[in-house]
C-alpha atoms as a PDB file:
ATOM      1  CA  MET A   1     167.902  94.241  42.445  1.00  0.00           C
ATOM      2  CA  PRO A   2     166.094  95.232  39.148  1.00  0.00           C
ATOM      3  CA  GLY A   3     163.688  92.855  37.407  1.00  0.00           C
ATOM      4  CA  GLU A   4     159.980  91.998  37.117  1.00  0.00           C
ATOM      5  CA  PHE A   5     158.715  88.649  37.250  1.00  0.00           C
ATOM      6  CA  ARG A   6     155.130  86.950  37.304  1.00  0.00           C
ATOM      7  CA  VAL A   7     154.264  83.175  37.946  1.00  0.00           C
ATOM      8  CA  VAL A   8     152.349  81.456  34.813  1.00  0.00           C
ATOM      9  CA  GLU A   9     150.214  78.145  35.048  1.00  0.00           C
ATOM     10  CA  CYS A  10     149.885  75.083  32.898  1.00  0.00           C
ATOM     11  CA  THR A  11     146.237  74.663  32.332  1.00  0.00           C
ATOM     12  CA  SER A  12     146.906  71.127  31.954  1.00  0.00           C
ATOM     13  CA  CYS A  13     148.935  70.177  34.845  1.00  0.00           C
ATOM     14  CA  ARG A  14     148.513  73.110  36.927  1.00  0.00           C
ATOM     15  CA  LEU A  15     152.093  73.149  37.443  1.00  0.00           C
ATOM     16  CA  CYS A  16     153.526  76.818  38.107  1.00  0.00           C
ATOM     17  CA  ARG A  17     156.724  78.625  36.959  1.00  0.00           C
ATOM     18  CA  THR A  18     158.397  81.830  36.986  1.00  0.00           C
ATOM     19  CA  ASP A  19     158.456  83.749  33.868  1.00  0.00           C
ATOM     20  CA  PRO A  20     160.512  84.988  32.711  1.00  0.00           C
ATOM     21  CA  TRP A  21     163.223  82.345  33.530  1.00  0.00           C
ATOM     22  CA  PRO A  22     166.471  84.256  35.023  1.00  0.00           C
ATOM     23  CA  ASP A  23     169.634  83.898  33.009  1.00  0.00           C
ATOM     24  CA  ASP A  24     171.779  83.266  36.079  1.00  0.00           C
ATOM     25  CA  PRO A  25     169.695  81.983  39.119  1.00  0.00           C
ATOM     26  CA  GLY A  26     172.633  82.104  41.226  1.00  0.00           C
ATOM     27  CA  ALA A  27     173.012  85.851  40.830  1.00  0.00           C
ATOM     28  CA  TRP A  28     169.769  86.322  42.938  1.00  0.00           C
ATOM     29  CA  TYR A  29     171.261  84.690  46.177  1.00  0.00           C
ATOM     30  CA  PRO A  30     172.864  87.338  48.372  1.00  0.00           C
ATOM     31  CA  ASP A  31     175.780  86.597  50.720  1.00  0.00           C
ATOM     32  CA  GLU A  32     173.069  87.280  53.616  1.00  0.00           C
ATOM     33  CA  TYR A  33     170.624  84.672  52.207  1.00  0.00           C
ATOM     34  CA  PRO A  34     169.443  82.919  55.404  1.00  0.00           C
ATOM     35  CA  GLN A  35     169.923  79.371  54.291  1.00  0.00           C
ATOM     36  CA  HIS A  36     173.652  80.344  53.624  1.00  0.00           C
ATOM     37  CA  ALA A  37     174.492  82.435  56.428  1.00  0.00           C
ATOM     38  CA  ALA A  38     176.924  81.980  59.216  1.00  0.00           C
ATOM     39  CA  GLY A  39     174.870  82.481  62.091  1.00  0.00           C
ATOM     40  CA  GLU A  40     172.313  79.936  63.327  1.00  0.00           C
ATOM     41  CA  SER A  41     168.879  81.389  63.709  1.00  0.00           C
ATOM     42  CA  VAL A  42     166.965  80.223  66.679  1.00  0.00           C
ATOM     43  CA  THR A  43     164.569  78.701  64.725  1.00  0.00           C
ATOM     44  CA  ALA A  44     167.217  76.817  62.734  1.00  0.00           C
ATOM     45  CA  ARG A  45     168.733  75.664  65.910  1.00  0.00           C
ATOM     46  CA  ALA A  46     165.366  74.362  67.231  1.00  0.00           C
ATOM     47  CA  SER A  47     164.687  72.574  63.895  1.00  0.00           C
ATOM     48  CA  ARG A  48     168.217  70.713  64.249  1.00  0.00           C
ATOM     49  CA  LEU A  49     167.523  69.731  67.550  1.00  0.00           C
ATOM     50  CA  ALA A  50     163.899  68.582  66.817  1.00  0.00           C
ATOM     51  CA  LEU A  51     165.596  66.382  64.145  1.00  0.00           C
ATOM     52  CA  GLN A  52     168.288  64.903  65.963  1.00  0.00           C
ATOM     53  CA  ARG A  53     165.703  63.854  68.531  1.00  0.00           C
ATOM     54  CA  ALA A  54     163.386  62.217  65.845  1.00  0.00           C
ATOM     55  CA  GLY A  55     166.118  60.418  64.507  1.00  0.00           C
ATOM     56  CA  THR A  56     166.500  58.706  67.645  1.00  0.00           C
ATOM     57  CA  ALA A  57     163.146  58.835  69.298  1.00  0.00           C
ATOM     58  CA  PRO A  58     160.220  55.923  69.252  1.00  0.00           C
ATOM     59  CA  GLY A  59     157.735  56.147  66.260  1.00  0.00           C
ATOM     60  CA  PRO A  60     154.869  57.903  68.263  1.00  0.00           C
ATOM     61  CA  VAL A  61     157.315  60.583  69.484  1.00  0.00           C
ATOM     62  CA  ALA A  62     159.172  60.784  66.067  1.00  0.00           C
ATOM     63  CA  ARG A  63     155.786  61.381  64.422  1.00  0.00           C
ATOM     64  CA  ALA A  64     154.765  64.126  66.967  1.00  0.00           C
ATOM     65  CA  LEU A  65     157.867  66.051  66.542  1.00  0.00           C
ATOM     66  CA  GLY A  66     157.425  65.747  62.518  1.00  0.00           C
ATOM     67  CA  VAL A  67     153.748  67.362  62.785  1.00  0.00           C
ATOM     68  CA  THR A  68     154.828  70.012  65.122  1.00  0.00           C
ATOM     69  CA  ILE A  69     158.035  71.012  63.721  1.00  0.00           C
ATOM     70  CA  PRO A  70     158.061  69.911  59.823  1.00  0.00           C
ATOM     71  CA  GLU A  71     161.588  70.144  59.482  1.00  0.00           C
ATOM     72  CA  ALA A  72     161.804  67.200  62.220  1.00  0.00           C
ATOM     73  CA  GLU A  73     159.983  64.682  59.373  1.00  0.00           C
ATOM     74  CA  THR A  74     161.814  61.586  59.077  1.00  0.00           C
ATOM     75  CA  GLY A  75     159.033  59.880  56.893  1.00  0.00           C
ATOM     76  CA  GLY A  76     159.094  56.735  59.230  1.00  0.00           C
ATOM     77  CA  PRO A  77     161.210  55.097  61.830  1.00  0.00           C
ATOM     78  CA  MET A  78     164.714  55.415  61.642  1.00  0.00           C
ATOM     79  CA  ARG A  79     166.859  52.265  62.634  1.00  0.00           C
ATOM     80  CA  PRO A  80     170.229  52.948  63.865  1.00  0.00           C
ATOM     81  CA  GLY A  81     173.063  53.819  61.321  1.00  0.00           C
ATOM     82  CA  MET A  82     170.754  54.660  58.447  1.00  0.00           C
ATOM     83  CA  ARG A  83     172.124  56.041  55.413  1.00  0.00           C
ATOM     84  CA  VAL A  84     170.725  59.536  54.928  1.00  0.00           C
ATOM     85  CA  LEU A  85     171.255  61.882  52.158  1.00  0.00           C
ATOM     86  CA  ASP A  86     170.415  65.816  52.272  1.00  0.00           C
ATOM     87  CA  VAL A  87     169.961  67.289  49.041  1.00  0.00           C
ATOM     88  CA  GLY A  88     170.141  71.285  49.110  1.00  0.00           C
ATOM     89  CA  ALA A  89     171.737  70.952  52.677  1.00  0.00           C
ATOM     90  CA  GLY A  90     172.591  74.370  53.111  1.00  0.00           C
ATOM     91  CA  THR A  91     174.955  74.944  55.937  1.00  0.00           C
ATOM     92  CA  GLY A  92     174.486  71.418  57.081  1.00  0.00           C
ATOM     93  CA  GLY A  93     172.132  71.572  59.962  1.00  0.00           C
ATOM     94  CA  ALA A  94     170.231  68.297  59.070  1.00  0.00           C
ATOM     95  CA  VAL A  95     173.545  66.511  58.198  1.00  0.00           C
ATOM     96  CA  LEU A  96     174.693  67.028  61.753  1.00  0.00           C
ATOM     97  CA  ALA A  97     171.506  66.470  63.368  1.00  0.00           C
ATOM     98  CA  PHE A  98     171.214  62.797  61.664  1.00  0.00           C
ATOM     99  CA  ARG A  99     174.778  62.182  62.567  1.00  0.00           C
ATOM    100  CA  ASP A 100     174.286  63.275  66.149  1.00  0.00           C
ATOM    101  CA  ALA A 101     171.730  60.660  66.208  1.00  0.00           C
ATOM    102  CA  GLY A 102     173.739  57.855  65.035  1.00  0.00           C
ATOM    103  CA  HIS A 103     173.235  57.813  61.306  1.00  0.00           C
ATOM    104  CA  GLU A 104     175.430  57.900  58.292  1.00  0.00           C
ATOM    105  CA  ALA A 105     174.647  61.273  56.917  1.00  0.00           C
ATOM    106  CA  TRP A 106     175.823  63.466  53.914  1.00  0.00           C
ATOM    107  CA  GLY A 107     174.642  66.532  52.125  1.00  0.00           C
ATOM    108  CA  VAL A 108     175.043  68.081  48.807  1.00  0.00           C
ATOM    109  CA  GLU A 109     174.733  71.910  48.343  1.00  0.00           C
ATOM    110  CA  PRO A 110     175.476  74.009  45.410  1.00  0.00           C
ATOM    111  CA  SER A 111     176.265  77.121  47.345  1.00  0.00           C
ATOM    112  CA  ALA A 112     180.297  77.649  47.914  1.00  0.00           C
ATOM    113  CA  ARG A 113     179.243  80.119  50.675  1.00  0.00           C
ATOM    114  CA  ALA A 114     177.092  77.467  52.577  1.00  0.00           C
ATOM    115  CA  VAL A 115     179.638  74.925  52.186  1.00  0.00           C
ATOM    116  CA  GLU A 116     182.498  77.141  53.527  1.00  0.00           C
ATOM    117  CA  VAL A 117     179.975  77.956  56.491  1.00  0.00           C
ATOM    118  CA  ALA A 118     179.667  74.277  57.158  1.00  0.00           C
ATOM    119  CA  ARG A 119     183.481  73.680  57.160  1.00  0.00           C
ATOM    120  CA  GLU A 120     183.710  76.547  59.645  1.00  0.00           C
ATOM    121  CA  ARG A 121     181.597  74.540  61.887  1.00  0.00           C
ATOM    122  CA  GLY A 122     183.474  71.364  61.471  1.00  0.00           C
ATOM    123  CA  ASN A 123     180.927  69.903  59.398  1.00  0.00           C
ATOM    124  CA  THR A 124     183.103  67.943  56.574  1.00  0.00           C
ATOM    125  CA  TRP A 125     180.051  65.890  55.211  1.00  0.00           C
ATOM    126  CA  VAL A 126     178.357  68.750  53.019  1.00  0.00           C
ATOM    127  CA  LEU A 127     179.783  68.202  49.538  1.00  0.00           C
ATOM    128  CA  GLN A 128     179.755  71.538  47.279  1.00  0.00           C
ATOM    129  CA  GLY A 129     178.168  71.270  43.932  1.00  0.00           C
ATOM    130  CA  SER A 130     174.836  69.802  42.218  1.00  0.00           C
ATOM    131  CA  LEU A 131     173.414  66.426  42.794  1.00  0.00           C
ATOM    132  CA  ASP A 132     174.262  65.497  38.992  1.00  0.00           C
ATOM    133  CA  ALA A 133     177.623  66.849  38.851  1.00  0.00           C
ATOM    134  CA  LEU A 134     178.592  64.768  42.152  1.00  0.00           C
ATOM    135  CA  VAL A 135     177.117  61.833  40.866  1.00  0.00           C
ATOM    136  CA  HIS A 136     178.858  62.060  37.874  1.00  0.00           C
ATOM    137  CA  ASP A 137     182.129  62.666  39.110  1.00  0.00           C
ATOM    138  CA  GLY A 138     182.020  59.974  41.676  1.00  0.00           C
ATOM    139  CA  SER A 139     182.423  62.481  44.504  1.00  0.00           C
ATOM    140  CA  LEU A 140     179.479  61.422  46.359  1.00  0.00           C
ATOM    141  CA  PRO A 141     179.534  58.365  48.385  1.00  0.00           C
ATOM    142  CA  ASP A 142     178.388  55.343  46.741  1.00  0.00           C
ATOM    143  CA  GLY A 143     174.452  54.541  47.488  1.00  0.00           C
ATOM    144  CA  PRO A 144     172.248  52.858  47.971  1.00  0.00           C
ATOM    145  CA  TRP A 145     170.693  55.506  50.347  1.00  0.00           C
ATOM    146  CA  ASP A 146     167.850  54.766  53.110  1.00  0.00           C
ATOM    147  CA  VAL A 147     166.567  58.276  53.441  1.00  0.00           C
ATOM    148  CA  ILE A 148     166.887  61.063  50.864  1.00  0.00           C
ATOM    149  CA  ARG A 149     165.717  64.644  52.104  1.00  0.00           C
ATOM    150  CA  MET A 150     164.865  67.842  50.004  1.00  0.00           C
ATOM    151  CA  SER A 151     163.609  70.437  52.248  1.00  0.00           C
ATOM    152  CA  GLN A 152     162.697  73.693  50.320  1.00  0.00           C
ATOM    153  CA  VAL A 153     164.852  72.805  47.830  1.00  0.00           C
ATOM    154  CA  LEU A 154     162.793  71.323  44.419  1.00  0.00           C
ATOM    155  CA  GLU A 155     161.096  74.640  44.074  1.00  0.00           C
ATOM    156  CA  HIS A 156     164.852  76.084  43.281  1.00  0.00           C
ATOM    157  CA  VAL A 157     165.626  73.240  40.782  1.00  0.00           C
ATOM    158  CA  PRO A 158     165.361  74.044  37.044  1.00  0.00           C
ATOM    159  CA  ASP A 159     164.465  70.580  35.745  1.00  0.00           C
ATOM    160  CA  PRO A 160     162.882  68.830  38.860  1.00  0.00           C
ATOM    161  CA  LEU A 161     161.890  65.453  36.777  1.00  0.00           C
ATOM    162  CA  ALA A 162     165.835  65.074  36.200  1.00  0.00           C
ATOM    163  CA  THR A 163     166.661  65.676  39.695  1.00  0.00           C
ATOM    164  CA  LEU A 164     164.138  63.336  40.922  1.00  0.00           C
ATOM    165  CA  GLY A 165     165.026  60.598  38.440  1.00  0.00           C
ATOM    166  CA  VAL A 166     168.848  60.886  39.866  1.00  0.00           C
ATOM    167  CA  ILE A 167     167.503  60.519  43.323  1.00  0.00           C
ATOM    168  CA  ARG A 168     165.109  57.504  42.631  1.00  0.00           C
ATOM    169  CA  GLY A 169     168.365  55.765  41.268  1.00  0.00           C
ATOM    170  CA  LEU A 170     170.195  56.634  44.543  1.00  0.00           C
ATOM    171  CA  LEU A 171     167.471  55.178  46.703  1.00  0.00           C
ATOM    172  CA  ALA A 172     167.591  51.765  48.336  1.00  0.00           C
ATOM    173  CA  PRO A 173     165.016  49.329  47.715  1.00  0.00           C
ATOM    174  CA  GLY A 174     162.162  50.321  50.396  1.00  0.00           C
ATOM    175  CA  GLY A 175     163.979  53.770  50.655  1.00  0.00           C
ATOM    176  CA  ARG A 176     162.033  56.869  51.207  1.00  0.00           C
ATOM    177  CA  LEU A 177     161.942  60.344  49.834  1.00  0.00           C
ATOM    178  CA  ILE A 178     160.902  63.436  51.825  1.00  0.00           C
ATOM    179  CA  VAL A 179     160.056  66.428  49.860  1.00  0.00           C
ATOM    180  CA  GLY A 180     158.962  70.123  51.329  1.00  0.00           C
ATOM    181  CA  VAL A 181     158.209  72.882  49.203  1.00  0.00           C
ATOM    182  CA  PRO A 182     155.919  75.799  49.484  1.00  0.00           C
ATOM    183  CA  ASN A 183     152.275  75.345  48.729  1.00  0.00           C
ATOM    184  CA  ILE A 184     151.034  78.094  46.228  1.00  0.00           C
ATOM    185  CA  ARG A 185     147.391  77.224  46.843  1.00  0.00           C
ATOM    186  CA  SER A 186     147.641  78.059  50.568  1.00  0.00           C
ATOM    187  CA  LEU A 187     145.207  80.359  52.228  1.00  0.00           C
ATOM    188  CA  ALA A 188     147.779  83.084  52.823  1.00  0.00           C
ATOM    189  CA  ALA A 189     148.967  82.679  48.939  1.00  0.00           C
ATOM    190  CA  ARG A 190     145.546  83.116  47.730  1.00  0.00           C
ATOM    191  CA  ALA A 191     144.945  86.213  50.095  1.00  0.00           C
ATOM    192  CA  THR A 192     148.092  87.870  49.522  1.00  0.00           C
ATOM    193  CA  ARG A 193     148.790  86.792  45.907  1.00  0.00           C
ATOM    194  CA  GLY A 194     152.019  88.812  44.622  1.00  0.00           C
ATOM    195  CA  ALA A 195     153.108  89.756  48.222  1.00  0.00           C
ATOM    196  CA  TRP A 196     153.241  86.065  49.252  1.00  0.00           C
ATOM    197  CA  ASP A 197     156.445  85.409  50.874  1.00  0.00           C
ATOM    198  CA  GLY A 198     156.573  81.825  49.846  1.00  0.00           C
ATOM    199  CA  LEU A 199     156.868  83.075  45.992  1.00  0.00           C
ATOM    200  CA  GLU A 200     160.461  84.465  46.312  1.00  0.00           C
ATOM    201  CA  LEU A 201     160.637  85.320  42.921  1.00  0.00           C
ATOM    202  CA  PRO A 202     162.837  84.647  40.790  1.00  0.00           C
ATOM    203  CA  ARG A 203     164.667  82.216  43.313  1.00  0.00           C
ATOM    204  CA  HIS A 204     161.906  79.536  43.210  1.00  0.00           C
ATOM    205  CA  LEU A 205     161.752  78.644  39.740  1.00  0.00           C
ATOM    206  CA  VAL A 206     158.745  76.275  39.725  1.00  0.00           C
ATOM    207  CA  HIS A 207     155.843  76.311  42.306  1.00  0.00           C
ATOM    208  CA  TYR A 208     153.860  73.655  43.540  1.00  0.00           C
ATOM    209  CA  ASP A 209     150.156  72.694  44.795  1.00  0.00           C
ATOM    210  CA  ARG A 210     149.127  69.318  46.167  1.00  0.00           C
ATOM    211  CA  ASP A 211     148.182  68.181  42.956  1.00  0.00           C
ATOM    212  CA  SER A 212     151.079  69.142  40.997  1.00  0.00           C
ATOM    213  CA  LEU A 213     153.446  67.957  43.489  1.00  0.00           C
ATOM    214  CA  ARG A 214     152.144  64.568  43.565  1.00  0.00           C
ATOM    215  CA  TRP A 215     151.985  64.544  39.719  1.00  0.00           C
ATOM    216  CA  VAL A 216     155.550  65.452  39.438  1.00  0.00           C
ATOM    217  CA  LEU A 217     156.617  62.656  41.972  1.00  0.00           C
ATOM    218  CA  ALA A 218     154.619  60.292  40.140  1.00  0.00           C
ATOM    219  CA  LEU A 219     155.955  61.068  36.726  1.00  0.00           C
ATOM    220  CA  ALA A 220     159.452  60.553  38.293  1.00  0.00           C
ATOM    221  CA  GLY A 221     158.496  57.279  39.194  1.00  0.00           C
ATOM    222  CA  PHE A 222     157.428  57.748  43.105  1.00  0.00           C
ATOM    223  CA  ARG A 223     154.455  56.433  44.719  1.00  0.00           C
ATOM    224  CA  VAL A 224     153.437  58.956  47.366  1.00  0.00           C
ATOM    225  CA  MET A 225     152.741  57.402  50.875  1.00  0.00           C
ATOM    226  CA  SER A 226     151.518  60.855  52.578  1.00  0.00           C
ATOM    227  CA  LEU A 227     150.965  64.303  51.664  1.00  0.00           C
ATOM    228  CA  ARG A 228     150.031  67.184  53.941  1.00  0.00           C
ATOM    229  CA  THR A 229     150.299  70.757  54.062  1.00  0.00           C
ATOM    230  CA  THR A 230     152.642  72.496  56.977  1.00  0.00           C
ATOM    231  CA  PRO A 231     153.320  75.687  58.302  1.00  0.00           C
ATOM    232  CA  LEU A 232     156.485  77.746  57.103  1.00  0.00           C
ATOM    233  CA  MET A 233     157.650  79.683  59.915  1.00  0.00           C
ATOM    234  CA  GLY A 234     157.823  83.278  58.843  1.00  0.00           C
ATOM    235  CA  VAL A 235     156.016  83.327  55.821  1.00  0.00           C
ATOM    236  CA  LEU A 236     152.315  84.501  57.125  1.00  0.00           C
ATOM    237  CA  PRO A 237     153.683  87.469  58.856  1.00  0.00           C
ATOM    238  CA  GLY A 238     156.228  88.161  56.135  1.00  0.00           C
ATOM    239  CA  SER A 239     153.178  87.932  53.502  1.00  0.00           C
ATOM    240  CA  LEU A 240     151.188  90.431  55.384  1.00  0.00           C
ATOM    241  CA  ASP A 241     154.007  92.803  55.857  1.00  0.00           C
ATOM    242  CA  ALA A 242     154.314  92.972  52.235  1.00  0.00           C
ATOM    243  CA  ARG A 243     150.559  92.979  51.365  1.00  0.00           C
ATOM    244  CA  THR A 244     150.162  96.145  53.882  1.00  0.00           C
ATOM    245  CA  ALA A 245     153.428  97.928  53.057  1.00  0.00           C
ATOM    246  CA  GLY A 246     151.921  99.426  50.040  1.00  0.00           C
ATOM    247  CA  GLY A 247     155.043  98.913  48.045  1.00  0.00           C
ATOM    248  CA  ASP A 248     157.184 100.653  50.648  1.00  0.00           C
ATOM    249  CA  ARG A 249     159.986  98.996  52.630  1.00  0.00           C
ATOM    250  CA  GLN A 250     158.785  95.956  54.500  1.00  0.00           C
ATOM    251  CA  ARG A 251     158.795  96.196  58.305  1.00  0.00           C
ATOM    252  CA  GLY A 252     160.665  92.955  58.795  1.00  0.00           C
ATOM    253  CA  TRP A 253     157.756  91.089  60.239  1.00  0.00           C
ATOM    254  CA  GLY A 254     158.745  87.723  58.605  1.00  0.00           C
ATOM    255  CA  ASP A 255     162.357  87.831  60.450  1.00  0.00           C
ATOM    256  CA  ALA A 256     161.081  89.266  63.690  1.00  0.00           C
ATOM    257  CA  LEU A 257     161.369  86.282  66.335  1.00  0.00           C
ATOM    258  CA  PRO A 258     158.516  87.736  68.638  1.00  0.00           C
ATOM    259  CA  VAL A 259     155.915  88.292  65.573  1.00  0.00           C
ATOM    260  CA  ARG A 260     156.921  84.757  64.365  1.00  0.00           C
ATOM    261  CA  VAL A 261     156.479  83.034  67.637  1.00  0.00           C
ATOM    262  CA  LEU A 262     153.014  84.971  67.867  1.00  0.00           C
ATOM    263  CA  ALA A 263     152.207  83.677  64.352  1.00  0.00           C
ATOM    264  CA  TYR A 264     153.099  80.170  64.455  1.00  0.00           C
ATOM    265  CA  PRO A 265     150.065  78.772  66.163  1.00  0.00           C
ATOM    266  CA  VAL A 266     148.094  80.121  63.443  1.00  0.00           C
ATOM    267  CA  GLU A 267     150.384  78.748  60.880  1.00  0.00           C
ATOM    268  CA  TRP A 268     150.572  75.584  62.461  1.00  0.00           C
ATOM    269  CA  GLY A 269     146.457  75.384  62.626  1.00  0.00           C
ATOM    270  CA  LEU A 270     146.272  76.315  58.855  1.00  0.00           C
ATOM    271  CA  GLY A 271     148.495  73.476  58.063  1.00  0.00           C
ATOM    272  CA  LEU A 272     146.205  71.066  59.959  1.00  0.00           C
ATOM    273  CA  ILE A 273     143.196  72.050  58.114  1.00  0.00           C
ATOM    274  CA  GLY A 274     144.861  71.724  54.798  1.00  0.00           C
ATOM    275  CA  GLN A 275     145.555  75.513  54.057  1.00  0.00           C
ATOM    276  CA  GLY A 276     149.360  75.798  55.350  1.00  0.00           C
ATOM    277  CA  ASP A 277     152.030  77.772  53.378  1.00  0.00           C
ATOM    278  CA  GLY A 278     153.994  74.498  52.714  1.00  0.00           C
ATOM    279  CA  LEU A 279     153.665  71.168  51.577  1.00  0.00           C
ATOM    280  CA  LEU A 280     155.445  67.753  52.616  1.00  0.00           C
ATOM    281  CA  ALA A 281     155.306  64.795  51.117  1.00  0.00           C
ATOM    282  CA  VAL A 282     156.700  61.279  51.948  1.00  0.00           C
ATOM    283  CA  ALA A 283     157.423  58.861  48.678  1.00  0.00           C
ATOM    284  CA  ARG A 284     159.080  55.764  48.021  1.00  0.00           C
ATOM    285  CA  THR A 285     160.021  54.275  44.221  1.00  0.00           C
ATOM    286  CA  SER A 286     156.943  52.913  42.848  1.00  0.00           C
ATOM    287  CA  HIS A 287     158.652  49.398  42.505  1.00  0.00           C
ATOM    288  CA  SER A 288     159.108  49.358  46.323  1.00  0.00           C
END
């Protein structure tokens, strides 16, 4: 698709955004966009099964799963029958994982295509529309919610403070928010710059590092309980592919399962030393 974009940074808060802002962000999501596609990849299935296990596992096991597979992070112990909301649920894999673990889980997803795929799989608990609209028209089941999850979603949101404000109002006292976003200050991002796969311009509208994510959460009324860098499977090989392709068509390293498996120990190690391509925050409302 045509277009030229850059990332600009605020010199005060260091929050970054895509420039120019796309007139219609939805136009940049192809039908085969992985998070909306009909097929479940091997890695998506593994993440779903790990999250399902974390939803019932004892504390130490759940923590180990969350460290090994960030998508399995639950942010704390899961008591039986907790209420979980997945914002940006895609085709609903996490919703099914939590429901299979015995929790009351629902999802919110703007993409009609992704919700259609969820329905085809028998998943009727993913609602189509934006969080604001579903709350406003009463389509979303009444809160409060014990856990609200936003995995690789906040970077797509045009007004993160407004969205986080809605989420804050939906959380139960003592409830927790789990946020995963790409880390624009990762080692790979600094090394590959415009070729970094985590940019995903212009679908990613806002770009975060540790400081700016913590600042945005605090400004929205959240207290960050933990914040760490994590691997984002496929981002490192995809970035190296783009960096070495010299502007030619990429070779698909980021989507090739053997390459992703080989690269994952490196991505995981970078996450452990604070240089991972992802950020994962667990937060509670500041009055909790």
